C-alpha atoms as a PDB file:
ATOM      1  CA  MET A   1       8.873   2.104  -5.446  1.00  0.00           C
ATOM      2  CA  ARG A   2       6.737   4.923  -3.923  1.00  0.00           C
ATOM      3  CA  LEU A   3       7.182   6.280  -0.762  1.00  0.00           C
ATOM      4  CA  PRO A   4       4.628   6.844   1.633  1.00  0.00           C
ATOM      5  CA  ILE A   5       3.950  10.602   1.849  1.00  0.00           C
ATOM      6  CA  ASP A   6       3.721  11.156   5.539  1.00  0.00           C
ATOM      7  CA  PRO A   7       4.337   7.618   7.175  1.00  0.00           C
ATOM      8  CA  GLN A   8       3.719   9.700  10.587  1.00  0.00           C
ATOM      9  CA  ALA A   9       0.699  11.811   9.500  1.00  0.00           C
ATOM     10  CA  ASP A  10      -1.024  13.659  11.790  1.00  0.00           C
ATOM     11  CA  ILE A  11      -4.589  12.232  13.050  1.00  0.00           C
ATOM     12  CA  ALA A  12      -6.173  14.806  11.106  1.00  0.00           C
ATOM     13  CA  ARG A  13      -4.878  13.703   7.982  1.00  0.00           C
ATOM     14  CA  ARG A  14      -5.883  10.457   8.165  1.00  0.00           C
ATOM     15  CA  ALA A  15      -8.772   8.045   6.751  1.00  0.00           C
ATOM     16  CA  TRP A  16     -10.024   4.620   7.614  1.00  0.00           C
ATOM     17  CA  VAL A  17     -11.050   3.032   4.385  1.00  0.00           C
ATOM     18  CA  THR A  18     -10.321  -0.088   2.508  1.00  0.00           C
ATOM     19  CA  CYS A  19      -7.447   0.084   0.344  1.00  0.00           C
ATOM     20  CA  PRO A  20      -8.351  -1.183  -3.019  1.00  0.00           C
ATOM     21  CA  ALA A  21      -4.723  -2.748  -3.904  1.00  0.00           C
ATOM     22  CA  CYS A  22      -3.492  -4.483  -0.918  1.00  0.00           C
ATOM     23  CA  ASP A  23      -7.022  -4.997   1.366  1.00  0.00           C
ATOM     24  CA  ASP A  24      -4.519  -5.097   4.465  1.00  0.00           C
ATOM     25  CA  ALA A  25      -7.282  -4.558   6.844  1.00  0.00           C
ATOM     26  CA  ARG A  26      -9.230  -7.508   5.581  1.00  0.00           C
ATOM     27  CA  HIS A  27      -8.427  -9.571   8.950  1.00  0.00           C
ATOM     28  CA  CYS A  28      -8.501  -6.850  11.613  1.00  0.00           C
ATOM     29  CA  ALA A  29     -11.132  -6.632  14.158  1.00  0.00           C
ATOM     30  CA  PRO A  30     -11.315  -2.873  14.670  1.00  0.00           C
ATOM     31  CA  CYS A  31     -11.534  -2.048  10.907  1.00  0.00           C
ATOM     32  CA  ALA A  32     -14.387  -4.942  10.620  1.00  0.00           C
ATOM     33  CA  ASP A  33     -16.117  -3.102  13.240  1.00  0.00           C
ATOM     34  CA  ARG A  34     -15.479   0.225  11.163  1.00  0.00           C
ATOM     35  CA  ARG A  35     -13.542   1.672  14.366  1.00  0.00           C
ATOM     36  CA  THR A  36     -10.507   3.729  14.261  1.00  0.00           C
ATOM     37  CA  CYS A  37      -7.467   1.576  13.894  1.00  0.00           C
ATOM     38  CA  GLY A  38      -4.003   2.359  14.593  1.00  0.00           C
ATOM     39  CA  GLU A  39      -2.224   0.271  11.899  1.00  0.00           C
ATOM     40  CA  HIS A  40      -4.640   0.411   9.020  1.00  0.00           C
ATOM     41  CA  TRP A  41      -5.194   4.189   8.501  1.00  0.00           C
ATOM     42  CA  ARG A  42      -4.526   5.869   4.678  1.00  0.00           C
ATOM     43  CA  TYR A  43      -3.166   9.054   4.588  1.00  0.00           C
ATOM     44  CA  LEU A  44      -5.555  11.852   3.240  1.00  0.00           C
ATOM     45  CA  ILE A  45      -3.615  13.725   0.442  1.00  0.00           C
ATOM     46  CA  ALA A  46      -6.473  16.025  -0.361  1.00  0.00           C
ATOM     47  CA  ASN A  47     -10.191  16.332  -0.949  1.00  0.00           C
ATOM     48  CA  ASN A  48     -12.091  18.030  -3.471  1.00  0.00           C
ATOM     49  CA  GLY A  49     -15.833  18.358  -1.626  1.00  0.00           C
ATOM     50  CA  PRO A  50     -16.557  14.667  -1.358  1.00  0.00           C
ATOM     51  CA  VAL A  51     -13.900  13.207  -3.280  1.00  0.00           C
ATOM     52  CA  LEU A  52     -10.978  11.982  -1.170  1.00  0.00           C
ATOM     53  CA  HIS A  53      -7.502  11.782  -2.486  1.00  0.00           C
ATOM     54  CA  LEU A  54      -5.765   9.028  -0.448  1.00  0.00           C
ATOM     55  CA  GLN A  55      -2.469   7.094  -0.124  1.00  0.00           C
ATOM     56  CA  CYS A  56      -2.240   3.498   1.500  1.00  0.00           C
ATOM     57  CA  PRO A  57       1.199   3.719   4.125  1.00  0.00           C
ATOM     58  CA  GLY A  58       1.376   0.006   3.577  1.00  0.00           C
ATOM     59  CA  CYS A  59       1.580  -0.511  -0.040  1.00  0.00           C
ATOM     60  CA  THR A  60       1.965   2.838  -1.312  1.00  0.00           C
ATOM     61  CA  HIS A  61      -1.184   2.904  -3.444  1.00  0.00           C
ATOM     62  CA  THR A  62      -2.681   6.151  -4.233  1.00  0.00           C
ATOM     63  CA  TRP A  63      -6.614   6.527  -5.314  1.00  0.00           C
ATOM     64  CA  SER A  64      -9.452   8.700  -5.171  1.00  0.00           C
ATOM     65  CA  LEU A  65     -12.783   7.830  -3.128  1.00  0.00           C
ATOM     66  CA  ASP A  66     -16.162   9.644  -3.923  1.00  0.00           C
ATOM     67  CA  THR A  67     -17.833   9.527  -0.693  1.00  0.00           C
ATOM     68  CA  ARG A  68     -21.198  10.414  -1.917  1.00  0.00           C
ATOM     69  CA  PRO A  69     -24.165   8.050  -1.550  1.00  0.00           C
ATOM     70  CA  ALA A  70     -24.812   6.260  -4.688  1.00  0.00           C
ATOM     71  CA  ARG A  71     -27.680   6.998  -6.466  1.00  0.00           C
ATOM     72  CA  PRO A  72     -30.819   4.724  -7.225  1.00  0.00           C
ATOM     73  CA  VAL A  73     -30.907   3.440 -10.804  1.00  0.00           C
END
């Protein structure tokens, strides 16, 4: 079992995006409204430009997220 890197992460090291593994914020009203939620934040491990490297403190899943807008095909 992996432990969260920093379960008490500073607000500057948090991100509010959906965890692709557990989707724990699925029924959360603030998350659905894209507001800051004190419970469903993700730890921002690092970023390389628009690519964020994140960890979910709930399920400890780590992943990368490219935040650039999708290009039209």
